[in-house]
Every structure is written in C-alpha cells, then in structure tokens.
C-alpha atoms as a PDB file:
ATOM      1  CA  MET A   1       0.000   0.000   0.000  1.00  0.00           C
ATOM      2  CA  ILE A   2       1.086   3.548  -0.566  1.00  0.00           C
ATOM      3  CA  GLU A   3       2.832   4.654   2.576  1.00  0.00           C
ATOM      4  CA  VAL A   4       1.682   7.981   3.975  1.00  0.00           C
ATOM      5  CA  MET A   5       4.809   9.870   4.894  1.00  0.00           C
ATOM      6  CA  TRP A   6       3.268  12.286   7.353  1.00  0.00           C
ATOM      7  CA  ARG A   7       2.513  11.803  11.005  1.00  0.00           C
ATOM      8  CA  ALA A   8      -1.116  12.689  11.735  1.00  0.00           C
ATOM      9  CA  VAL A   9      -1.295  16.094  13.393  1.00  0.00           C
ATOM     10  CA  VAL A  10      -4.964  15.939  14.208  1.00  0.00           C
ATOM     11  CA  CYS A  11      -5.695  15.295  17.843  1.00  0.00           C
ATOM     12  CA  PHE A  12      -9.224  16.634  18.117  1.00  0.00           C
ATOM     13  CA  LEU A  13     -11.820  17.364  15.456  1.00  0.00           C
ATOM     14  CA  PHE A  14     -14.895  19.334  16.466  1.00  0.00           C
ATOM     15  CA  LEU A  15     -17.908  20.170  14.333  1.00  0.00           C
ATOM     16  CA  TRP A  16     -19.987  23.280  14.973  1.00  0.00           C
ATOM     17  CA  LEU A  17     -23.557  22.481  14.092  1.00  0.00           C
ATOM     18  CA  GLY A  18     -26.102  25.208  13.506  1.00  0.00           C
ATOM     19  CA  CYS A  19     -29.063  25.381  15.830  1.00  0.00           C
ATOM     20  CA  GLY A  20     -32.464  24.339  14.536  1.00  0.00           C
ATOM     21  CA  GLN A  21     -31.150  22.356  11.562  1.00  0.00           C
ATOM     22  CA  ARG A  22     -32.573  18.875  11.163  1.00  0.00           C
ATOM     23  CA  LEU A  23     -29.385  17.229   9.980  1.00  0.00           C
ATOM     24  CA  VAL A  24     -27.835  13.852  10.648  1.00  0.00           C
ATOM     25  CA  GLN A  25     -24.178  12.931  10.861  1.00  0.00           C
ATOM     26  CA  VAL A  26     -22.524   9.711   9.718  1.00  0.00           C
ATOM     27  CA  GLU A  27     -18.978   8.785  10.679  1.00  0.00           C
ATOM     28  CA  ARG A  28     -17.045   5.856   9.208  1.00  0.00           C
ATOM     29  CA  LYS A  29     -13.488   4.616   9.580  1.00  0.00           C
ATOM     30  CA  GLY A  30     -11.267   2.352   7.512  1.00  0.00           C
ATOM     31  CA  ARG A  31      -7.744   1.756   6.274  1.00  0.00           C
ATOM     32  CA  VAL A  32      -6.314   2.744   2.913  1.00  0.00           C
ATOM     33  CA  PHE A  33      -3.027   4.125   1.526  1.00  0.00           C
ATOM     34  CA  GLY A  34      -1.167   2.344   4.309  1.00  0.00           C
ATOM     35  CA  SER A  35      -2.902   4.319   7.046  1.00  0.00           C
ATOM     36  CA  TYR A  36      -6.290   5.140   8.504  1.00  0.00           C
ATOM     37  CA  VAL A  37      -9.101   7.061   6.902  1.00  0.00           C
ATOM     38  CA  ARG A  38     -11.915   8.765   8.804  1.00  0.00           C
ATOM     39  CA  ILE A  39     -14.923  10.269   7.095  1.00  0.00           C
ATOM     40  CA  LYS A  40     -17.580  12.472   8.729  1.00  0.00           C
ATOM     41  CA  VAL A  41     -20.504  13.645   6.629  1.00  0.00           C
ATOM     42  CA  ILE A  42     -23.631  15.704   7.355  1.00  0.00           C
ATOM     43  CA  GLY A  43     -26.891  15.748   5.467  1.00  0.00           C
ATOM     44  CA  GLU A  44     -30.622  15.097   5.643  1.00  0.00           C
ATOM     45  CA  ASP A  45     -30.746  11.338   4.931  1.00  0.00           C
ATOM     46  CA  SER A  46     -28.509   8.844   6.732  1.00  0.00           C
ATOM     47  CA  GLU A  47     -29.118   6.135   4.099  1.00  0.00           C
ATOM     48  CA  LYS A  48     -27.911   8.433   1.313  1.00  0.00           C
ATOM     49  CA  LEU A  49     -24.942   9.489   3.420  1.00  0.00           C
ATOM     50  CA  ASN A  50     -23.883   5.887   3.987  1.00  0.00           C
ATOM     51  CA  ARG A  51     -24.202   5.068   0.284  1.00  0.00           C
ATOM     52  CA  ALA A  52     -22.038   8.064  -0.592  1.00  0.00           C
ATOM     53  CA  VAL A  53     -19.386   7.045   1.925  1.00  0.00           C
ATOM     54  CA  ASP A  54     -19.431   3.479   0.557  1.00  0.00           C
ATOM     55  CA  THR A  55     -18.738   4.869  -2.919  1.00  0.00           C
ATOM     56  CA  VAL A  56     -15.853   6.946  -1.592  1.00  0.00           C
ATOM     57  CA  LEU A  57     -14.248   4.067   0.288  1.00  0.00           C
ATOM     58  CA  ARG A  58     -14.390   1.828  -2.792  1.00  0.00           C
ATOM     59  CA  GLY A  59     -12.815   4.584  -4.869  1.00  0.00           C
ATOM     60  CA  LEU A  60     -10.004   5.159  -2.376  1.00  0.00           C
ATOM     61  CA  HIS A  61      -9.088   1.477  -2.435  1.00  0.00           C
ATOM     62  CA  CYS A  62      -9.152   1.555  -6.239  1.00  0.00           C
ATOM     63  CA  PHE A  63      -6.713   4.478  -6.286  1.00  0.00           C
ATOM     64  CA  ASP A  64      -4.470   2.643  -3.830  1.00  0.00           C
ATOM     65  CA  SER A  65      -4.358  -0.363  -6.162  1.00  0.00           C
ATOM     66  CA  LEU A  66      -3.328   1.904  -9.052  1.00  0.00           C
ATOM     67  CA  TRP A  67      -0.547   3.827  -7.329  1.00  0.00           C
ATOM     68  CA  SER A  68       0.958   1.658  -4.592  1.00  0.00           C
ATOM     69  CA  VAL A  69       4.687   1.116  -5.001  1.00  0.00           C
ATOM     70  CA  TYR A  70       4.294  -1.907  -2.716  1.00  0.00           C
ATOM     71  CA  SER A  71       2.020  -3.801  -5.095  1.00  0.00           C
ATOM     72  CA  GLU A  72       3.673  -5.420  -8.111  1.00  0.00           C
ATOM     73  CA  LYS A  73       0.376  -5.190 -10.003  1.00  0.00           C
ATOM     74  CA  SER A  74      -0.088  -1.438  -9.608  1.00  0.00           C
ATOM     75  CA  GLU A  75       0.322   0.834 -12.618  1.00  0.00           C
ATOM     76  CA  VAL A  76       3.183   2.634 -10.902  1.00  0.00           C
ATOM     77  CA  SER A  77       5.079  -0.579 -10.157  1.00  0.00           C
ATOM     78  CA  GLN A  78       4.619  -1.805 -13.713  1.00  0.00           C
ATOM     79  CA  LEU A  79       5.849   1.522 -15.058  1.00  0.00           C
ATOM     80  CA  ASN A  80       8.944   1.382 -12.865  1.00  0.00           C
ATOM     81  CA  ARG A  81       9.620  -2.194 -13.915  1.00  0.00           C
ATOM     82  CA  ASN A  82       9.026  -1.782 -17.652  1.00  0.00           C
ATOM     83  CA  LEU A  83      10.066   1.903 -18.013  1.00  0.00           C
ATOM     84  CA  ARG A  84       6.901   2.491 -20.043  1.00  0.00           C
ATOM     85  CA  GLY A  85       3.254   1.580 -20.011  1.00  0.00           C
ATOM     86  CA  LYS A  86      -0.311   2.525 -20.734  1.00  0.00           C
ATOM     87  CA  VAL A  87      -2.007   4.018 -17.701  1.00  0.00           C
ATOM     88  CA  SER A  88      -5.502   4.934 -16.599  1.00  0.00           C
ATOM     89  CA  ALA A  89      -6.864   8.444 -17.059  1.00  0.00           C
ATOM     90  CA  GLU A  90      -6.512   9.034 -13.299  1.00  0.00           C
ATOM     91  CA  THR A  91      -2.853   7.997 -13.244  1.00  0.00           C
ATOM     92  CA  LYS A  92      -2.089  10.131 -16.270  1.00  0.00           C
ATOM     93  CA  GLU A  93      -3.778  13.142 -14.680  1.00  0.00           C
ATOM     94  CA  LEU A  94      -1.939  12.616 -11.403  1.00  0.00           C
ATOM     95  CA  ILE A  95       1.462  12.366 -13.093  1.00  0.00           C
ATOM     96  CA  GLU A  96       0.789  15.506 -15.135  1.00  0.00           C
ATOM     97  CA  MET A  97      -0.289  17.332 -11.970  1.00  0.00           C
ATOM     98  CA  ALA A  98       2.852  16.150 -10.189  1.00  0.00           C
ATOM     99  CA  LYS A  99       5.048  17.473 -12.979  1.00  0.00           C
ATOM    100  CA  SER A 100       3.238  20.794 -12.823  1.00  0.00           C
ATOM    101  CA  PHE A 101       3.900  21.008  -9.084  1.00  0.00           C
ATOM    102  CA  GLY A 102       7.525  20.162  -9.777  1.00  0.00           C
ATOM    103  CA  TYR A 103       7.865  23.249 -11.942  1.00  0.00           C
ATOM    104  CA  GLU A 104       5.821  25.364  -9.523  1.00  0.00           C
ATOM    105  CA  THR A 105       8.155  24.484  -6.644  1.00  0.00           C
ATOM    106  CA  ASP A 106      11.336  24.892  -8.718  1.00  0.00           C
ATOM    107  CA  GLY A 107      12.123  21.188  -8.460  1.00  0.00           C
ATOM    108  CA  VAL A 108      11.582  20.834  -4.727  1.00  0.00           C
ATOM    109  CA  PHE A 109       8.658  18.470  -5.295  1.00  0.00           C
ATOM    110  CA  ASP A 110       9.860  15.558  -7.402  1.00  0.00           C
ATOM    111  CA  ILE A 111       8.068  12.230  -7.936  1.00  0.00           C
ATOM    112  CA  THR A 112      11.330  10.590  -9.106  1.00  0.00           C
ATOM    113  CA  VAL A 113      13.254  10.945  -5.833  1.00  0.00           C
ATOM    114  CA  GLY A 114      12.902   7.200  -5.174  1.00  0.00           C
ATOM    115  CA  PRO A 115      16.495   6.216  -6.082  1.00  0.00           C
ATOM    116  CA  LEU A 116      17.789   8.641  -3.453  1.00  0.00           C
ATOM    117  CA  MET A 117      15.350   7.243  -0.890  1.00  0.00           C
ATOM    118  CA  ARG A 118      16.692   3.790  -1.684  1.00  0.00           C
ATOM    119  CA  LEU A 119      20.313   4.966  -1.389  1.00  0.00           C
ATOM    120  CA  TRP A 120      19.714   6.303   2.132  1.00  0.00           C
ATOM    121  CA  GLY A 121      17.972   3.086   3.164  1.00  0.00           C
ATOM    122  CA  PHE A 122      14.394   4.373   3.334  1.00  0.00           C
ATOM    123  CA  ARG A 123      13.251   1.820   0.741  1.00  0.00           C
ATOM    124  CA  GLY A 124      13.583  -1.539   2.432  1.00  0.00           C
ATOM    125  CA  GLY A 125      17.324  -1.260   2.924  1.00  0.00           C
ATOM    126  CA  VAL A 126      19.782  -0.549   5.702  1.00  0.00           C
ATOM    127  CA  PHE A 127      19.963   3.042   6.879  1.00  0.00           C
ATOM    128  CA  LYS A 128      23.265   4.686   6.062  1.00  0.00           C
ATOM    129  CA  VAL A 129      24.856   8.030   5.246  1.00  0.00           C
ATOM    130  CA  PRO A 130      26.091   7.565   1.658  1.00  0.00           C
ATOM    131  CA  ALA A 131      29.306   8.941   0.284  1.00  0.00           C
ATOM    132  CA  ASP A 132      29.067  12.230  -1.595  1.00  0.00           C
ATOM    133  CA  SER A 133      30.153  10.462  -4.769  1.00  0.00           C
ATOM    134  CA  ALA A 134      27.284   7.967  -4.465  1.00  0.00           C
ATOM    135  CA  ILE A 135      24.785  10.776  -3.963  1.00  0.00           C
ATOM    136  CA  ARG A 136      26.060  12.607  -7.024  1.00  0.00           C
ATOM    137  CA  ARG A 137      25.818   9.434  -9.077  1.00  0.00           C
ATOM    138  CA  VAL A 138      22.258   8.579  -7.984  1.00  0.00           C
ATOM    139  CA  LYS A 139      21.077  12.175  -8.424  1.00  0.00           C
ATOM    140  CA  GLN A 140      21.594  11.681 -12.137  1.00  0.00           C
ATOM    141  CA  ARG A 141      18.590   9.329 -12.088  1.00  0.00           C
ATOM    142  CA  VAL A 142      16.318  11.941 -10.523  1.00  0.00           C
ATOM    143  CA  GLY A 143      14.360  14.521 -12.512  1.00  0.00           C
ATOM    144  CA  PHE A 144      10.586  14.832 -12.785  1.00  0.00           C
ATOM    145  CA  GLU A 145      10.886  16.724 -16.076  1.00  0.00           C
ATOM    146  CA  ARG A 146      12.223  13.550 -17.725  1.00  0.00           C
ATOM    147  CA  VAL A 147       8.993  11.653 -17.073  1.00  0.00           C
ATOM    148  CA  LEU A 148       7.255  11.742 -20.455  1.00  0.00           C
ATOM    149  CA  VAL A 149       3.498  11.481 -21.017  1.00  0.00           C
ATOM    150  CA  ARG A 150       2.416  10.665 -24.561  1.00  0.00           C
ATOM    151  CA  GLY A 151      -1.271   9.986 -25.082  1.00  0.00           C
ATOM    152  CA  ASP A 152      -2.273   7.323 -22.563  1.00  0.00           C
ATOM    153  CA  SER A 153       1.315   6.118 -22.060  1.00  0.00           C
ATOM    154  CA  VAL A 154       4.091   7.168 -19.676  1.00  0.00           C
ATOM    155  CA  PHE A 155       7.831   6.729 -20.245  1.00  0.00           C
ATOM    156  CA  ILE A 156      10.791   6.959 -17.859  1.00  0.00           C
ATOM    157  CA  GLU A 157      14.518   6.450 -18.336  1.00  0.00           C
ATOM    158  CA  PRO A 158      16.545   3.451 -17.109  1.00  0.00           C
ATOM    159  CA  GLY A 159      17.296   3.706 -13.391  1.00  0.00           C
ATOM    160  CA  MET A 160      14.445   6.121 -12.715  1.00  0.00           C
ATOM    161  CA  GLU A 161      11.433   5.457 -10.491  1.00  0.00           C
ATOM    162  CA  VAL A 162       8.063   7.145 -10.113  1.00  0.00           C
ATOM    163  CA  ASP A 163       6.487   7.376  -6.663  1.00  0.00           C
ATOM    164  CA  LEU A 164       3.186   9.225  -6.293  1.00  0.00           C
ATOM    165  CA  GLY A 165       3.029   8.893  -2.508  1.00  0.00           C
ATOM    166  CA  GLY A 166       3.606  12.621  -1.987  1.00  0.00           C
ATOM    167  CA  ILE A 167       0.533  13.618  -3.985  1.00  0.00           C
ATOM    168  CA  ALA A 168      -1.785  10.602  -4.254  1.00  0.00           C
ATOM    169  CA  VAL A 169      -3.604  10.981  -0.929  1.00  0.00           C
ATOM    170  CA  GLY A 170      -4.382  14.653  -1.512  1.00  0.00           C
ATOM    171  CA  TYR A 171      -5.689  13.888  -4.988  1.00  0.00           C
ATOM    172  CA  ALA A 172      -7.864  11.055  -3.661  1.00  0.00           C
ATOM    173  CA  VAL A 173      -9.263  13.230  -0.870  1.00  0.00           C
ATOM    174  CA  ASP A 174     -10.253  15.929  -3.362  1.00  0.00           C
ATOM    175  CA  TRP A 175     -11.941  13.302  -5.538  1.00  0.00           C
ATOM    176  CA  ALA A 176     -13.827  12.026  -2.490  1.00  0.00           C
ATOM    177  CA  VAL A 177     -15.147  15.502  -1.697  1.00  0.00           C
ATOM    178  CA  LYS A 178     -16.474  15.861  -5.243  1.00  0.00           C
ATOM    179  CA  VAL A 179     -18.304  12.545  -4.917  1.00  0.00           C
ATOM    180  CA  LEU A 180     -19.790  13.454  -1.553  1.00  0.00           C
ATOM    181  CA  VAL A 181     -20.969  16.889  -2.655  1.00  0.00           C
ATOM    182  CA  SER A 182     -22.532  15.479  -5.828  1.00  0.00           C
ATOM    183  CA  SER A 183     -24.359  12.961  -3.619  1.00  0.00           C
ATOM    184  CA  GLY A 184     -26.013  15.718  -1.611  1.00  0.00           C
ATOM    185  CA  VAL A 185     -23.718  15.818   1.418  1.00  0.00           C
ATOM    186  CA  ARG A 186     -24.032  19.235   3.045  1.00  0.00           C
ATOM    187  CA  ALA A 187     -20.720  19.310   4.898  1.00  0.00           C
ATOM    188  CA  GLY A 188     -18.024  16.946   5.969  1.00  0.00           C
ATOM    189  CA  LEU A 189     -14.477  16.054   6.847  1.00  0.00           C
ATOM    190  CA  ILE A 190     -12.091  13.498   5.389  1.00  0.00           C
ATOM    191  CA  ASP A 191      -8.945  12.620   7.327  1.00  0.00           C
ATOM    192  CA  ALA A 192      -6.685  10.234   5.425  1.00  0.00           C
ATOM    193  CA  GLY A 193      -3.629   9.598   7.552  1.00  0.00           C
ATOM    194  CA  GLY A 194      -3.425  13.253   8.562  1.00  0.00           C
ATOM    195  CA  ASP A 195      -4.240  14.708   5.146  1.00  0.00           C
ATOM    196  CA  ILE A 196      -7.453  16.542   5.984  1.00  0.00           C
ATOM    197  CA  ARG A 197     -10.063  18.176   3.812  1.00  0.00           C
ATOM    198  CA  VAL A 198     -13.167  19.909   5.187  1.00  0.00           C
ATOM    199  CA  PHE A 199     -16.027  21.186   3.049  1.00  0.00           C
ATOM    200  CA  GLY A 200     -19.404  22.845   3.352  1.00  0.00           C
ATOM    201  CA  ALA A 201     -20.596  25.797   5.433  1.00  0.00           C
ATOM    202  CA  ARG A 202     -19.225  24.525   8.734  1.00  0.00           C
ATOM    203  CA  ASN A 203     -16.251  25.473  10.889  1.00  0.00           C
ATOM    204  CA  TRP A 204     -13.897  22.774  12.110  1.00  0.00           C
ATOM    205  CA  ARG A 205     -11.191  22.970  14.767  1.00  0.00           C
ATOM    206  CA  ILE A 206      -8.052  20.985  14.051  1.00  0.00           C
ATOM    207  CA  GLY A 207      -5.416  20.433  16.707  1.00  0.00           C
ATOM    208  CA  VAL A 208      -1.794  20.511  15.557  1.00  0.00           C
ATOM    209  CA  GLN A 209       0.500  18.144  17.433  1.00  0.00           C
ATOM    210  CA  SER A 210       4.027  19.036  18.440  1.00  0.00           C
ATOM    211  CA  PRO A 211       6.785  17.546  16.286  1.00  0.00           C
ATOM    212  CA  ARG A 212       8.563  16.500  19.478  1.00  0.00           C
ATOM    213  CA  GLY A 213       5.771  15.151  21.681  1.00  0.00           C
ATOM    214  CA  GLU A 214       2.073  14.509  22.092  1.00  0.00           C
ATOM    215  CA  SER A 215       0.971  17.990  23.191  1.00  0.00           C
ATOM    216  CA  LEU A 216      -0.898  20.443  20.984  1.00  0.00           C
ATOM    217  CA  THR A 217       1.019  23.417  19.655  1.00  0.00           C
ATOM    218  CA  ALA A 218      -1.931  25.086  17.909  1.00  0.00           C
ATOM    219  CA  VAL A 219      -5.631  24.737  17.175  1.00  0.00           C
ATOM    220  CA  LEU A 220      -6.725  25.923  13.730  1.00  0.00           C
ATOM    221  CA  THR A 221     -10.284  26.958  12.921  1.00  0.00           C
ATOM    222  CA  VAL A 222     -10.846  26.181   9.252  1.00  0.00           C
ATOM    223  CA  ARG A 223     -13.631  26.024   6.692  1.00  0.00           C
ATOM    224  CA  ASP A 224     -13.747  24.579   3.158  1.00  0.00           C
ATOM    225  CA  CYS A 225     -10.013  23.958   2.823  1.00  0.00           C
ATOM    226  CA  ALA A 226      -7.329  21.345   3.425  1.00  0.00           C
ATOM    227  CA  VAL A 227      -4.637  20.861   6.073  1.00  0.00           C
ATOM    228  CA  ALA A 228      -1.590  18.588   5.889  1.00  0.00           C
ATOM    229  CA  THR A 229       1.701  18.246   7.702  1.00  0.00           C
ATOM    230  CA  SER A 230       5.226  16.955   7.085  1.00  0.00           C
ATOM    231  CA  GLY A 231       7.988  16.377   9.591  1.00  0.00           C
ATOM    232  CA  ASP A 232      11.237  14.642  10.434  1.00  0.00           C
ATOM    233  CA  TYR A 233       9.755  12.453  13.162  1.00  0.00           C
ATOM    234  CA  ARG A 234       7.913   9.660  11.340  1.00  0.00           C
ATOM    235  CA  ARG A 235      10.732   7.944   9.468  1.00  0.00           C
ATOM    236  CA  PHE A 236      14.297   8.796  10.387  1.00  0.00           C
ATOM    237  CA  PHE A 237      17.590   7.461  11.682  1.00  0.00           C
ATOM    238  CA  GLU A 238      20.377   9.064  13.698  1.00  0.00           C
ATOM    239  CA  VAL A 239      24.142   8.957  13.287  1.00  0.00           C
ATOM    240  CA  ASP A 240      26.501  10.749  15.700  1.00  0.00           C
ATOM    241  CA  GLY A 241      23.574  12.660  17.167  1.00  0.00           C
ATOM    242  CA  ARG A 242      22.312  13.950  13.845  1.00  0.00           C
ATOM    243  CA  ARG A 243      18.843  13.057  12.625  1.00  0.00           C
ATOM    244  CA  TYR A 244      18.282  12.126   8.973  1.00  0.00           C
ATOM    245  CA  SER A 245      14.644  12.108   7.889  1.00  0.00           C
ATOM    246  CA  HIS A 246      13.007  10.421   4.909  1.00  0.00           C
ATOM    247  CA  ILE A 247      12.131  13.761   3.278  1.00  0.00           C
ATOM    248  CA  ILE A 248      14.982  14.300   0.829  1.00  0.00           C
ATOM    249  CA  ASP A 249      15.789  17.496  -1.008  1.00  0.00           C
ATOM    250  CA  PRO A 250      16.108  16.351  -4.649  1.00  0.00           C
ATOM    251  CA  ARG A 251      18.315  19.349  -5.372  1.00  0.00           C
ATOM    252  CA  THR A 252      21.031  18.245  -2.948  1.00  0.00           C
ATOM    253  CA  GLY A 253      20.337  14.532  -2.515  1.00  0.00           C
ATOM    254  CA  TYR A 254      20.378  14.929   1.271  1.00  0.00           C
ATOM    255  CA  PRO A 255      17.519  14.725   3.789  1.00  0.00           C
ATOM    256  CA  SER A 256      16.194  18.199   4.462  1.00  0.00           C
ATOM    257  CA  SER A 257      16.994  19.661   7.886  1.00  0.00           C
ATOM    258  CA  ARG A 258      15.837  23.280   7.600  1.00  0.00           C
ATOM    259  CA  CYS A 259      12.948  22.623   9.990  1.00  0.00           C
ATOM    260  CA  ILE A 260      11.514  19.719  11.987  1.00  0.00           C
ATOM    261  CA  GLY A 261       7.907  20.078  10.889  1.00  0.00           C
ATOM    262  CA  VAL A 262       5.491  22.176   8.877  1.00  0.00           C
ATOM    263  CA  THR A 263       1.699  22.299   8.810  1.00  0.00           C
ATOM    264  CA  VAL A 264       0.055  23.743   5.713  1.00  0.00           C
ATOM    265  CA  ARG A 265      -3.420  25.081   5.027  1.00  0.00           C
ATOM    266  CA  ALA A 266      -4.335  25.240   1.332  1.00  0.00           C
ATOM    267  CA  PRO A 267      -7.476  25.417  -0.824  1.00  0.00           C
ATOM    268  CA  SER A 268      -7.355  21.762  -1.905  1.00  0.00           C
ATOM    269  CA  GLY A 269      -6.129  18.452  -0.560  1.00  0.00           C
ATOM    270  CA  VAL A 270      -3.633  17.925  -3.359  1.00  0.00           C
ATOM    271  CA  GLN A 271      -2.116  21.354  -2.753  1.00  0.00           C
ATOM    272  CA  ALA A 272      -1.833  20.817   0.993  1.00  0.00           C
ATOM    273  CA  ASP A 273      -0.283  17.405   0.388  1.00  0.00           C
ATOM    274  CA  VAL A 274       2.343  18.670  -2.062  1.00  0.00           C
ATOM    275  CA  TYR A 275       3.036  21.994  -0.361  1.00  0.00           C
ATOM    276  CA  SER A 276       3.600  20.476   3.093  1.00  0.00           C
ATOM    277  CA  THR A 277       6.410  18.326   1.717  1.00  0.00           C
ATOM    278  CA  SER A 278       7.795  21.127  -0.444  1.00  0.00           C
ATOM    279  CA  LEU A 279       7.790  23.732   2.323  1.00  0.00           C
ATOM    280  CA  PHE A 280       9.430  21.294   4.722  1.00  0.00           C
ATOM    281  CA  VAL A 281      12.284  20.986   2.221  1.00  0.00           C
ATOM    282  CA  MET A 282      12.435  24.742   1.674  1.00  0.00           C
ATOM    283  CA  GLY A 283      12.328  25.661   5.365  1.00  0.00           C
ATOM    284  CA  PRO A 284      11.124  29.039   6.645  1.00  0.00           C
ATOM    285  CA  ASP A 285      13.719  31.225   4.929  1.00  0.00           C
ATOM    286  CA  GLU A 286      13.216  29.951   1.391  1.00  0.00           C
ATOM    287  CA  GLY A 287       9.568  29.207   2.083  1.00  0.00           C
ATOM    288  CA  ARG A 288       8.801  32.820   2.975  1.00  0.00           C
ATOM    289  CA  GLY A 289       9.468  34.035  -0.557  1.00  0.00           C
ATOM    290  CA  TRP A 290       7.461  31.156  -2.039  1.00  0.00           C
ATOM    291  CA  LEU A 291       4.505  31.849   0.244  1.00  0.00           C
ATOM    292  CA  GLU A 292       4.537  35.529  -0.697  1.00  0.00           C
ATOM    293  CA  ARG A 293       3.706  34.381  -4.221  1.00  0.00           C
ATOM    294  CA  HIS A 294       0.985  32.008  -2.965  1.00  0.00           C
ATOM    295  CA  ARG A 295      -1.278  34.160  -0.822  1.00  0.00           C
ATOM    296  CA  ASP A 296      -3.962  31.480  -0.502  1.00  0.00           C
ATOM    297  CA  VAL A 297      -1.577  29.159   1.381  1.00  0.00           C
ATOM    298  CA  GLY A 298      -0.649  29.368   5.063  1.00  0.00           C
ATOM    299  CA  ALA A 299       2.156  27.510   6.820  1.00  0.00           C
ATOM    300  CA  ILE A 300       3.372  26.945  10.358  1.00  0.00           C
ATOM    301  CA  PHE A 301       7.065  26.032  10.495  1.00  0.00           C
ATOM    302  CA  TYR A 302       8.640  24.396  13.538  1.00  0.00           C
ATOM    303  CA  VAL A 303      12.383  24.827  14.029  1.00  0.00           C
ATOM    304  CA  LEU A 304      14.715  23.797  16.821  1.00  0.00           C
ATOM    305  CA  ASP A 305      15.781  26.722  18.995  1.00  0.00           C
ATOM    306  CA  GLY A 306      18.246  25.665  21.665  1.00  0.00           C
ATOM    307  CA  ASP A 307      16.468  23.116  23.827  1.00  0.00           C
ATOM    308  CA  GLY A 308      13.051  24.224  22.615  1.00  0.00           C
ATOM    309  CA  ILE A 309      10.957  24.546  19.491  1.00  0.00           C
ATOM    310  CA  ARG A 310      10.150  27.832  17.801  1.00  0.00           C
ATOM    311  CA  GLU A 311       6.962  28.295  15.797  1.00  0.00           C
ATOM    312  CA  ILE A 312       6.985  30.514  12.719  1.00  0.00           C
ATOM    313  CA  ARG A 313       3.606  31.336  11.152  1.00  0.00           C
ATOM    314  CA  MET A 314       3.184  32.641   7.623  1.00  0.00           C
ATOM    315  CA  GLY A 315      -0.064  33.370   5.874  1.00  0.00           C
ATOM    316  CA  PHE A 316      -2.294  32.913   8.933  1.00  0.00           C
ATOM    317  CA  ASP A 317      -4.451  35.724  10.278  1.00  0.00           C
ATOM    318  CA  GLU A 318      -5.118  34.221  13.679  1.00  0.00           C
END
C-alpha cells in the first residue's frame, strides 16, 4: 500500500452544528493508503450518506491499487519495472499534476526521488549516510521533467522510479469531496492519515500536534479547505547525534533539515499534500518568498531553537 509519509497532526476534530437544523451525521473509519481514513458527513438522509461514503471508500481502495509502489500489479510498479506503459486516465492526470507542481516548486517536489530514498535506506534497505560520490551518481537518475506522457502512455529512463506517494492521498481526498458533494452531502471532513479536507458551510477545529511530543502546539479553525503536515519524526535514523529524515531534497540529494515540521493550510487536498512536503524541504527562509507568491496558502514552520521549538507562522491571520 502507498505509505503515507506524514505523522497525523490531528488530535481533536470538532464540528460546529447550527441550531435548529434537522441534519444527521454519519462517521465511518477504515484503512487505505497504508494508514487510517476517517470520514464524517452531514446531510438530511442517513441512508444516502452511507451510500455516498461506501462509494468513496471503494474509490479510495481503487486508487491505492493503481498507485501503490508496494504492489507489483499497480500501474506505478509496472511503469517502474518496464520503463513504459499505458495508464488509466486518473494515473495520467496525477502524473501531469505532479510534474506541474515540480515546476511550480522549482524542483523541490519531485516524484522521481525514489532512487535517493533507496540509497539512504528508506526503501527496504539498511539506513546509512552515503558517500558524496554515491549521492552525485544517484542524483543523475532523478528529474521529474524527464517523465514523459504521450497519449495514454508514460515513459521513464533506465534507473528512474516514479512514486506518487507525496501527492496521491491529496488527490484522492479531493476526488472524495467531489463525490460526496454530488451525492447531496451538506458538509463533511475526510482525514486520510493526517491529510485533511473539510467542506461545506461549517467550521472545524483541528489540533496541531508538536513535532517532538504529544501535546498540541496550535488549534486551527478552518472552513472549506485542506490541512496537511510533514515532519522529520515519522521515518528517520540518527548517526553521531544527527537526525536524517526520509524527506529528501532532490536538489542536494540529502535529507532536508531546515525545519523539523510544517503544517500547511491550502485550498485543496492535493495542494496541501504537495506543499507540506515542499515547504518542509524549503524551510522558513526559502519558504517565505514562495509563500509571498501564494497568498492562498498558510504555513506553520517548527524549528529547533536551543532546547526548545520555535513556531513561525506565515499566511495565517489568527
């Protein structure tokens, strides 16, 4: 299954219901994309709500089967094995979106970073700090712009890999919202392993967990948007007191260490998914300039400051 690379930051989720409205709420839970999924929906008819959620859960599992790098039968695995292949319309769209985000982030977001992940041991290997020469050599196999889409086929070069884990969950969550809204759902929340999308005329409060503990560092009040987080605390190893996380900067070939966590609020799930990873790599200094050009995105960076953690907010009014 596609492994979600973000620790869930949601500790509490509260719904503010309007007084006098005769609405019902349905909540369902499951597992997909290698993590949990929780769906809360509000509407007038519980039977219709349950049918809509059933449709969404089936669709999420279908997407997982298309994009999982851990399934030999998935379209992504077959592409990586054969270096070419016909793909579904959804896979084609997702790859084209990923390439677009690659250009938008000046190469920070890259769906071909897999060979570097493997070199550092984050792909079923032994964790290690590679030699600079090895990093330079493997970097030559990384480059989202060299993934070619021609009609319904995708082509990559020998030694390259495609991994859609940094964008797939956000895309799937956005698809799920479209299905729910078209089914008459008035408002709702989807939490897929910490990638959260809320919709409808309701406010939700989302607790943000500390990157170095279980306490809350912030509570965000959000409406009709998405929230996602990335950090160095889910998958990492330490050598000589230095932490190396699984989030690698494709520009350098090294795990990013400019911050220890970042929580992003964005208009859509796919944006929050991609931008949380990208802004973690950028860190607050580089990220500030990027966020100034993306006024509809907010970010909370967490950086080590002596023995404590400093919070840096950008693009949030509260």
